[in-house]
């Protein structure tokens, strides 16, 4: 495993989430939400899991405790929004794919569209820091599981547009669960290889693992020459 390094400059979640809303009210809400998330992540970096409170986050974000709870239910939920941001962005890319494209190819292509490896940096950093905290790790898993329902909705929309019919619910849920499991597997392999290293090379490897995991799923788990075999 390489020595631990710091990422050159981790972009804020706002650079990896959906496009910003247009109304002033929604812009203000998005900015407040982002400030809370950024403050929580900075406290996690400096103090470690379980060593800060909602009040600490509120103070760092220059908001009230009441305002915090208007956005998040706990410190863990505020941190999990980092993962939500990446997954929501990937889903937004998926919805832009051609309706007649095979759904798993669309999933892989959506990840390829996130061309800058630094787009995975916040999620990778949170994943690394969460490994020492069962509660935070559980919140991370919940963020991935939450995305399952969104994948089901996106897949249902896709098939409704192309066939005009609804797909079998078992198919949809098995598909979404498989995609999420492949994403988690990619994160696990990356962490086993790189640990807390957040260098550009490490993040590029994570991005490729996510793409390759979708490729394995699409090929029925038959290894192909298209899958990356690079190792650090």
C-alpha atoms as a PDB file:
ATOM      1  CA  UNK A   1       0.000   0.000   0.000  1.00  0.00           C
ATOM      2  CA  UNK A   2       1.422   3.439  -0.883  1.00  0.00           C
ATOM      3  CA  UNK A   3       2.256   5.936   1.825  1.00  0.00           C
ATOM      4  CA  UNK A   4      -0.623   8.155   2.838  1.00  0.00           C
ATOM      5  CA  UNK A   5      -0.797  11.336   0.815  1.00  0.00           C
ATOM      6  CA  UNK A   6      -3.110  14.273   0.762  1.00  0.00           C
ATOM      7  CA  UNK A   7      -5.157  15.085  -2.297  1.00  0.00           C
ATOM      8  CA  UNK A   8      -3.778  18.113  -4.199  1.00  0.00           C
ATOM      9  CA  UNK A   9      -6.982  20.078  -3.875  1.00  0.00           C
ATOM     10  CA  UNK A  10     -10.236  18.328  -3.181  1.00  0.00           C
ATOM     11  CA  UNK A  11     -13.109  20.096  -4.907  1.00  0.00           C
ATOM     12  CA  UNK A  12     -16.117  20.996  -2.796  1.00  0.00           C
ATOM     13  CA  UNK A  13     -19.225  18.896  -3.201  1.00  0.00           C
ATOM     14  CA  UNK A  14     -20.858  21.687  -5.152  1.00  0.00           C
ATOM     15  CA  UNK A  15     -18.581  20.809  -8.085  1.00  0.00           C
ATOM     16  CA  UNK A  16     -19.775  17.199  -8.163  1.00  0.00           C
ATOM     17  CA  UNK A  17     -23.475  17.590  -7.442  1.00  0.00           C
ATOM     18  CA  UNK A  18     -26.381  18.446  -9.733  1.00  0.00           C
ATOM     19  CA  UNK A  19     -26.432  21.858 -11.455  1.00  0.00           C
ATOM     20  CA  UNK A  20     -27.341  24.634  -8.994  1.00  0.00           C
ATOM     21  CA  UNK A  21     -30.973  25.728  -8.730  1.00  0.00           C
ATOM     22  CA  UNK A  22     -31.932  29.019 -10.330  1.00  0.00           C
ATOM     23  CA  UNK A  23     -34.126  30.835  -7.799  1.00  0.00           C
ATOM     24  CA  UNK A  24     -32.445  32.946  -5.148  1.00  0.00           C
ATOM     25  CA  UNK A  25     -34.197  31.031  -2.373  1.00  0.00           C
ATOM     26  CA  UNK A  26     -33.025  27.686  -3.715  1.00  0.00           C
ATOM     27  CA  UNK A  27     -29.529  29.047  -4.269  1.00  0.00           C
ATOM     28  CA  UNK A  28     -29.402  30.189  -0.635  1.00  0.00           C
ATOM     29  CA  UNK A  29     -30.622  26.792   0.568  1.00  0.00           C
ATOM     30  CA  UNK A  30     -28.034  25.013  -1.558  1.00  0.00           C
ATOM     31  CA  UNK A  31     -25.292  27.293  -0.232  1.00  0.00           C
ATOM     32  CA  UNK A  32     -26.327  26.658   3.384  1.00  0.00           C
ATOM     33  CA  UNK A  33     -26.452  22.912   2.814  1.00  0.00           C
ATOM     34  CA  UNK A  34     -23.014  23.040   1.208  1.00  0.00           C
ATOM     35  CA  UNK A  35     -21.604  25.100   4.082  1.00  0.00           C
ATOM     36  CA  UNK A  36     -22.849  22.523   6.586  1.00  0.00           C
ATOM     37  CA  UNK A  37     -21.359  19.643   4.622  1.00  0.00           C
ATOM     38  CA  UNK A  38     -18.025  21.417   4.184  1.00  0.00           C
ATOM     39  CA  UNK A  39     -17.875  22.260   7.894  1.00  0.00           C
ATOM     40  CA  UNK A  40     -18.676  18.677   8.878  1.00  0.00           C
ATOM     41  CA  UNK A  41     -16.005  17.266   6.576  1.00  0.00           C
ATOM     42  CA  UNK A  42     -13.400  19.721   7.846  1.00  0.00           C
ATOM     43  CA  UNK A  43     -14.194  18.784  11.458  1.00  0.00           C
ATOM     44  CA  UNK A  44     -13.946  15.125  10.529  1.00  0.00           C
ATOM     45  CA  UNK A  45     -10.488  15.763   9.085  1.00  0.00           C
ATOM     46  CA  UNK A  46      -9.252  17.723  12.070  1.00  0.00           C
ATOM     47  CA  UNK A  47     -10.915  15.950  15.004  1.00  0.00           C
ATOM     48  CA  UNK A  48     -11.738  12.474  13.754  1.00  0.00           C
ATOM     49  CA  UNK A  49     -15.020  10.522  13.844  1.00  0.00           C
ATOM     50  CA  UNK A  50     -17.185  10.978  16.933  1.00  0.00           C
ATOM     51  CA  UNK A  51     -15.165  13.874  18.290  1.00  0.00           C
ATOM     52  CA  UNK A  52     -17.440  16.738  17.301  1.00  0.00           C
ATOM     53  CA  UNK A  53     -21.106  17.614  17.684  1.00  0.00           C
ATOM     54  CA  UNK A  54     -23.928  19.205  15.762  1.00  0.00           C
ATOM     55  CA  UNK A  55     -23.191  22.395  17.685  1.00  0.00           C
ATOM     56  CA  UNK A  56     -19.577  22.304  16.478  1.00  0.00           C
ATOM     57  CA  UNK A  57     -20.720  21.980  12.874  1.00  0.00           C
ATOM     58  CA  UNK A  58     -23.270  24.766  13.270  1.00  0.00           C
ATOM     59  CA  UNK A  59     -20.644  27.096  14.736  1.00  0.00           C
ATOM     60  CA  UNK A  60     -18.164  26.286  11.946  1.00  0.00           C
ATOM     61  CA  UNK A  61     -20.832  26.883   9.309  1.00  0.00           C
ATOM     62  CA  UNK A  62     -22.000  30.103  11.005  1.00  0.00           C
ATOM     63  CA  UNK A  63     -25.580  28.874  11.401  1.00  0.00           C
ATOM     64  CA  UNK A  64     -27.858  27.991  14.302  1.00  0.00           C
ATOM     65  CA  UNK A  65     -28.416  24.499  15.650  1.00  0.00           C
ATOM     66  CA  UNK A  66     -32.022  24.777  14.528  1.00  0.00           C
ATOM     67  CA  UNK A  67     -30.933  25.575  10.975  1.00  0.00           C
ATOM     68  CA  UNK A  68     -28.693  22.517  10.961  1.00  0.00           C
ATOM     69  CA  UNK A  69     -31.652  20.277  11.732  1.00  0.00           C
ATOM     70  CA  UNK A  70     -33.630  21.878   8.924  1.00  0.00           C
ATOM     71  CA  UNK A  71     -31.160  20.177   6.576  1.00  0.00           C
ATOM     72  CA  UNK A  72     -29.779  17.116   8.333  1.00  0.00           C
ATOM     73  CA  UNK A  73     -30.820  14.766  11.126  1.00  0.00           C
ATOM     74  CA  UNK A  74     -27.309  14.106  12.487  1.00  0.00           C
ATOM     75  CA  UNK A  75     -23.598  14.724  11.985  1.00  0.00           C
ATOM     76  CA  UNK A  76     -23.414  11.436  10.067  1.00  0.00           C
ATOM     77  CA  UNK A  77     -26.212  12.513   7.721  1.00  0.00           C
ATOM     78  CA  UNK A  78     -24.387  15.754   6.961  1.00  0.00           C
ATOM     79  CA  UNK A  79     -21.267  13.801   6.058  1.00  0.00           C
ATOM     80  CA  UNK A  80     -23.174  11.217   4.033  1.00  0.00           C
ATOM     81  CA  UNK A  81     -24.360  14.015   1.743  1.00  0.00           C
ATOM     82  CA  UNK A  82     -20.853  13.915   0.228  1.00  0.00           C
ATOM     83  CA  UNK A  83     -21.558  10.428  -1.112  1.00  0.00           C
ATOM     84  CA  UNK A  84     -25.076  11.430  -2.114  1.00  0.00           C
ATOM     85  CA  UNK A  85     -23.592  14.239  -4.207  1.00  0.00           C
ATOM     86  CA  UNK A  86     -21.362  11.932  -6.232  1.00  0.00           C
ATOM     87  CA  UNK A  87     -24.071   9.319  -6.763  1.00  0.00           C
ATOM     88  CA  UNK A  88     -26.654  11.958  -7.724  1.00  0.00           C
ATOM     89  CA  UNK A  89     -24.243  13.360 -10.306  1.00  0.00           C
ATOM     90  CA  UNK A  90     -23.644   9.903 -11.767  1.00  0.00           C
ATOM     91  CA  UNK A  91     -27.416   9.387 -11.990  1.00  0.00           C
ATOM     92  CA  UNK A  92     -27.807  12.737 -13.740  1.00  0.00           C
ATOM     93  CA  UNK A  93     -25.274  11.571 -16.341  1.00  0.00           C
ATOM     94  CA  UNK A  94     -27.151   8.270 -16.681  1.00  0.00           C
ATOM     95  CA  UNK A  95     -30.389  10.087 -17.481  1.00  0.00           C
ATOM     96  CA  UNK A  96     -28.625  11.919 -20.321  1.00  0.00           C
ATOM     97  CA  UNK A  97     -27.714   8.660 -22.099  1.00  0.00           C
ATOM     98  CA  UNK A  98     -29.666   7.549 -25.221  1.00  0.00           C
ATOM     99  CA  UNK A  99     -32.907   5.808 -24.285  1.00  0.00           C
ATOM    100  CA  UNK A 100     -32.170   2.840 -26.561  1.00  0.00           C
ATOM    101  CA  UNK A 101     -28.712   2.201 -25.098  1.00  0.00           C
ATOM    102  CA  UNK A 102     -28.350  -0.978 -22.961  1.00  0.00           C
ATOM    103  CA  UNK A 103     -28.936   0.108 -19.398  1.00  0.00           C
ATOM    104  CA  UNK A 104     -25.667  -1.245 -17.975  1.00  0.00           C
ATOM    105  CA  UNK A 105     -23.704   0.371 -20.793  1.00  0.00           C
ATOM    106  CA  UNK A 106     -25.405   3.634 -19.843  1.00  0.00           C
ATOM    107  CA  UNK A 107     -24.323   3.141 -16.220  1.00  0.00           C
ATOM    108  CA  UNK A 108     -20.708   2.575 -17.291  1.00  0.00           C
ATOM    109  CA  UNK A 109     -20.809   5.501 -19.717  1.00  0.00           C
ATOM    110  CA  UNK A 110     -22.217   7.766 -16.999  1.00  0.00           C
ATOM    111  CA  UNK A 111     -19.136   7.091 -14.866  1.00  0.00           C
ATOM    112  CA  UNK A 112     -16.828   7.651 -17.837  1.00  0.00           C
ATOM    113  CA  UNK A 113     -18.448  11.058 -18.319  1.00  0.00           C
ATOM    114  CA  UNK A 114     -17.101  12.037 -14.893  1.00  0.00           C
ATOM    115  CA  UNK A 115     -13.752  12.406 -16.625  1.00  0.00           C
ATOM    116  CA  UNK A 116     -11.837  14.222 -13.896  1.00  0.00           C
ATOM    117  CA  UNK A 117     -10.616  11.719 -11.262  1.00  0.00           C
ATOM    118  CA  UNK A 118     -10.950  14.503  -8.691  1.00  0.00           C
ATOM    119  CA  UNK A 119     -14.746  14.165  -8.912  1.00  0.00           C
ATOM    120  CA  UNK A 120     -14.437  11.091  -6.688  1.00  0.00           C
ATOM    121  CA  UNK A 121     -12.146  12.834  -4.171  1.00  0.00           C
ATOM    122  CA  UNK A 122     -14.732  13.896  -1.547  1.00  0.00           C
ATOM    123  CA  UNK A 123     -16.408  10.488  -1.598  1.00  0.00           C
ATOM    124  CA  UNK A 124     -13.034   8.708  -1.421  1.00  0.00           C
ATOM    125  CA  UNK A 125     -11.869  10.843   1.495  1.00  0.00           C
ATOM    126  CA  UNK A 126     -15.076  10.258   3.430  1.00  0.00           C
ATOM    127  CA  UNK A 127     -14.903   6.515   2.740  1.00  0.00           C
ATOM    128  CA  UNK A 128     -11.341   6.410   4.085  1.00  0.00           C
ATOM    129  CA  UNK A 129     -12.156   8.374   7.223  1.00  0.00           C
ATOM    130  CA  UNK A 130     -15.313   6.332   7.866  1.00  0.00           C
ATOM    131  CA  UNK A 131     -13.405   3.053   8.179  1.00  0.00           C
ATOM    132  CA  UNK A 132     -12.451   3.827  11.785  1.00  0.00           C
ATOM    133  CA  UNK A 133     -16.029   4.630  12.818  1.00  0.00           C
ATOM    134  CA  UNK A 134     -18.757   1.932  12.712  1.00  0.00           C
ATOM    135  CA  UNK A 135     -21.486   4.559  13.004  1.00  0.00           C
ATOM    136  CA  UNK A 136     -20.102   6.707  10.196  1.00  0.00           C
ATOM    137  CA  UNK A 137     -19.428   3.630   8.080  1.00  0.00           C
ATOM    138  CA  UNK A 138     -23.055   2.568   8.576  1.00  0.00           C
ATOM    139  CA  UNK A 139     -24.203   6.009   7.452  1.00  0.00           C
ATOM    140  CA  UNK A 140     -22.052   5.656   4.349  1.00  0.00           C
ATOM    141  CA  UNK A 141     -23.686   2.346   3.514  1.00  0.00           C
ATOM    142  CA  UNK A 142     -27.093   3.919   3.986  1.00  0.00           C
ATOM    143  CA  UNK A 143     -26.159   6.608   1.465  1.00  0.00           C
ATOM    144  CA  UNK A 144     -25.359   3.920  -1.097  1.00  0.00           C
ATOM    145  CA  UNK A 145     -28.556   2.049  -0.270  1.00  0.00           C
ATOM    146  CA  UNK A 146     -30.578   5.244  -0.671  1.00  0.00           C
ATOM    147  CA  UNK A 147     -29.265   5.455  -4.216  1.00  0.00           C
ATOM    148  CA  UNK A 148     -30.792   2.037  -4.954  1.00  0.00           C
ATOM    149  CA  UNK A 149     -34.291   3.545  -5.010  1.00  0.00           C
ATOM    150  CA  UNK A 150     -33.113   6.315  -7.334  1.00  0.00           C
ATOM    151  CA  UNK A 151     -31.567   3.786  -9.721  1.00  0.00           C
ATOM    152  CA  UNK A 152     -34.851   1.860  -9.759  1.00  0.00           C
ATOM    153  CA  UNK A 153     -36.726   5.053 -10.641  1.00  0.00           C
ATOM    154  CA  UNK A 154     -34.233   5.972 -13.370  1.00  0.00           C
ATOM    155  CA  UNK A 155     -34.366   2.481 -14.883  1.00  0.00           C
ATOM    156  CA  UNK A 156     -38.166   2.455 -14.743  1.00  0.00           C
ATOM    157  CA  UNK A 157     -38.272   5.811 -16.544  1.00  0.00           C
ATOM    158  CA  UNK A 158     -35.860   4.500 -19.196  1.00  0.00           C
ATOM    159  CA  UNK A 159     -37.901   1.416 -20.013  1.00  0.00           C
ATOM    160  CA  UNK A 160     -41.186   3.310 -19.915  1.00  0.00           C
ATOM    161  CA  UNK A 161     -39.848   5.658 -22.607  1.00  0.00           C
ATOM    162  CA  UNK A 162     -38.538   2.883 -24.851  1.00  0.00           C
ATOM    163  CA  UNK A 163     -41.241   0.215 -24.495  1.00  0.00           C
ATOM    164  CA  UNK A 164     -44.178   2.002 -22.943  1.00  0.00           C
ATOM    165  CA  UNK A 165     -44.417  -0.820 -20.437  1.00  0.00           C
ATOM    166  CA  UNK A 166     -43.362  -1.292 -16.844  1.00  0.00           C
ATOM    167  CA  UNK A 167     -40.587  -3.762 -16.098  1.00  0.00           C
ATOM    168  CA  UNK A 168     -40.887  -6.584 -13.621  1.00  0.00           C
ATOM    169  CA  UNK A 169     -40.195  -5.259 -10.128  1.00  0.00           C
ATOM    170  CA  UNK A 170     -37.822  -8.118  -9.343  1.00  0.00           C
ATOM    171  CA  UNK A 171     -35.720  -7.248 -12.395  1.00  0.00           C
ATOM    172  CA  UNK A 172     -35.547  -3.585 -11.407  1.00  0.00           C
ATOM    173  CA  UNK A 173     -34.574  -4.279  -7.811  1.00  0.00           C
ATOM    174  CA  UNK A 174     -32.033  -6.959  -8.733  1.00  0.00           C
ATOM    175  CA  UNK A 175     -30.500  -4.613 -11.299  1.00  0.00           C
ATOM    176  CA  UNK A 176     -30.263  -1.672  -8.911  1.00  0.00           C
ATOM    177  CA  UNK A 177     -28.905  -3.831  -6.102  1.00  0.00           C
ATOM    178  CA  UNK A 178     -26.253  -5.276  -8.406  1.00  0.00           C
ATOM    179  CA  UNK A 179     -25.118  -1.827  -9.528  1.00  0.00           C
ATOM    180  CA  UNK A 180     -24.795  -0.626  -5.941  1.00  0.00           C
ATOM    181  CA  UNK A 181     -22.949  -3.803  -4.892  1.00  0.00           C
ATOM    182  CA  UNK A 182     -20.479  -3.343  -7.746  1.00  0.00           C
ATOM    183  CA  UNK A 183     -19.893   0.253  -6.680  1.00  0.00           C
ATOM    184  CA  UNK A 184     -19.225  -0.817  -3.102  1.00  0.00           C
ATOM    185  CA  UNK A 185     -16.877  -3.560  -4.321  1.00  0.00           C
ATOM    186  CA  UNK A 186     -14.878  -0.994  -6.296  1.00  0.00           C
ATOM    187  CA  UNK A 187     -14.561   1.193  -3.201  1.00  0.00           C
ATOM    188  CA  UNK A 188     -13.422  -1.771  -1.093  1.00  0.00           C
ATOM    189  CA  UNK A 189     -10.765  -2.833  -3.605  1.00  0.00           C
ATOM    190  CA  UNK A 190      -9.512   0.730  -3.924  1.00  0.00           C
ATOM    191  CA  UNK A 191      -9.204   1.169  -0.160  1.00  0.00           C
ATOM    192  CA  UNK A 192      -7.408  -2.178   0.205  1.00  0.00           C
ATOM    193  CA  UNK A 193      -4.896  -1.052  -2.418  1.00  0.00           C
ATOM    194  CA  UNK A 194      -4.455   2.617  -1.530  1.00  0.00           C
ATOM    195  CA  UNK A 195      -5.712   3.169   1.995  1.00  0.00           C
ATOM    196  CA  UNK A 196      -5.942   6.861   2.861  1.00  0.00           C
ATOM    197  CA  UNK A 197      -3.886   7.946  -0.179  1.00  0.00           C
ATOM    198  CA  UNK A 198      -5.857  10.662  -1.989  1.00  0.00           C
ATOM    199  CA  UNK A 199      -3.298  11.472  -4.652  1.00  0.00           C
ATOM    200  CA  UNK A 200      -4.397  12.032  -8.247  1.00  0.00           C
ATOM    201  CA  UNK A 201      -3.046   8.600  -9.208  1.00  0.00           C
ATOM    202  CA  UNK A 202      -5.037   6.911  -6.441  1.00  0.00           C
ATOM    203  CA  UNK A 203      -8.233   8.744  -7.385  1.00  0.00           C
ATOM    204  CA  UNK A 204      -7.764   7.849 -11.050  1.00  0.00           C
ATOM    205  CA  UNK A 205      -7.528   4.210  -9.976  1.00  0.00           C
ATOM    206  CA  UNK A 206     -10.772   4.505  -7.994  1.00  0.00           C
ATOM    207  CA  UNK A 207     -12.598   6.043 -10.940  1.00  0.00           C
ATOM    208  CA  UNK A 208     -11.366   3.245 -13.199  1.00  0.00           C
ATOM    209  CA  UNK A 209     -12.402   0.568 -10.696  1.00  0.00           C
ATOM    210  CA  UNK A 210     -15.925   2.006 -10.632  1.00  0.00           C
ATOM    211  CA  UNK A 211     -16.046   1.940 -14.433  1.00  0.00           C
ATOM    212  CA  UNK A 212     -14.620  -1.591 -14.571  1.00  0.00           C
ATOM    213  CA  UNK A 213     -17.106  -2.863 -11.992  1.00  0.00           C
ATOM    214  CA  UNK A 214     -19.951  -1.717 -14.239  1.00  0.00           C
ATOM    215  CA  UNK A 215     -18.200  -3.374 -17.176  1.00  0.00           C
ATOM    216  CA  UNK A 216     -18.010  -6.676 -15.293  1.00  0.00           C
ATOM    217  CA  UNK A 217     -21.686  -6.496 -14.482  1.00  0.00           C
ATOM    218  CA  UNK A 218     -22.573  -5.717 -18.086  1.00  0.00           C
ATOM    219  CA  UNK A 219     -20.510  -8.649 -19.384  1.00  0.00           C
ATOM    220  CA  UNK A 220     -22.025 -11.117 -16.954  1.00  0.00           C
ATOM    221  CA  UNK A 221     -18.812 -11.033 -14.901  1.00  0.00           C
ATOM    222  CA  UNK A 222     -16.737 -12.316 -17.801  1.00  0.00           C
ATOM    223  CA  UNK A 223     -13.348 -10.527 -17.709  1.00  0.00           C
ATOM    224  CA  UNK A 224     -12.620  -8.714 -20.953  1.00  0.00           C
ATOM    225  CA  UNK A 225      -9.635  -6.948 -22.459  1.00  0.00           C
ATOM    226  CA  UNK A 226     -11.429  -3.657 -21.936  1.00  0.00           C
ATOM    227  CA  UNK A 227     -11.169  -3.880 -18.177  1.00  0.00           C
ATOM    228  CA  UNK A 228      -8.266  -2.021 -16.631  1.00  0.00           C
ATOM    229  CA  UNK A 229      -5.489  -4.214 -15.273  1.00  0.00           C
ATOM    230  CA  UNK A 230      -3.232  -1.394 -14.125  1.00  0.00           C
ATOM    231  CA  UNK A 231      -1.874  -1.578 -10.620  1.00  0.00           C
ATOM    232  CA  UNK A 232       0.160   0.974  -8.729  1.00  0.00           C
END
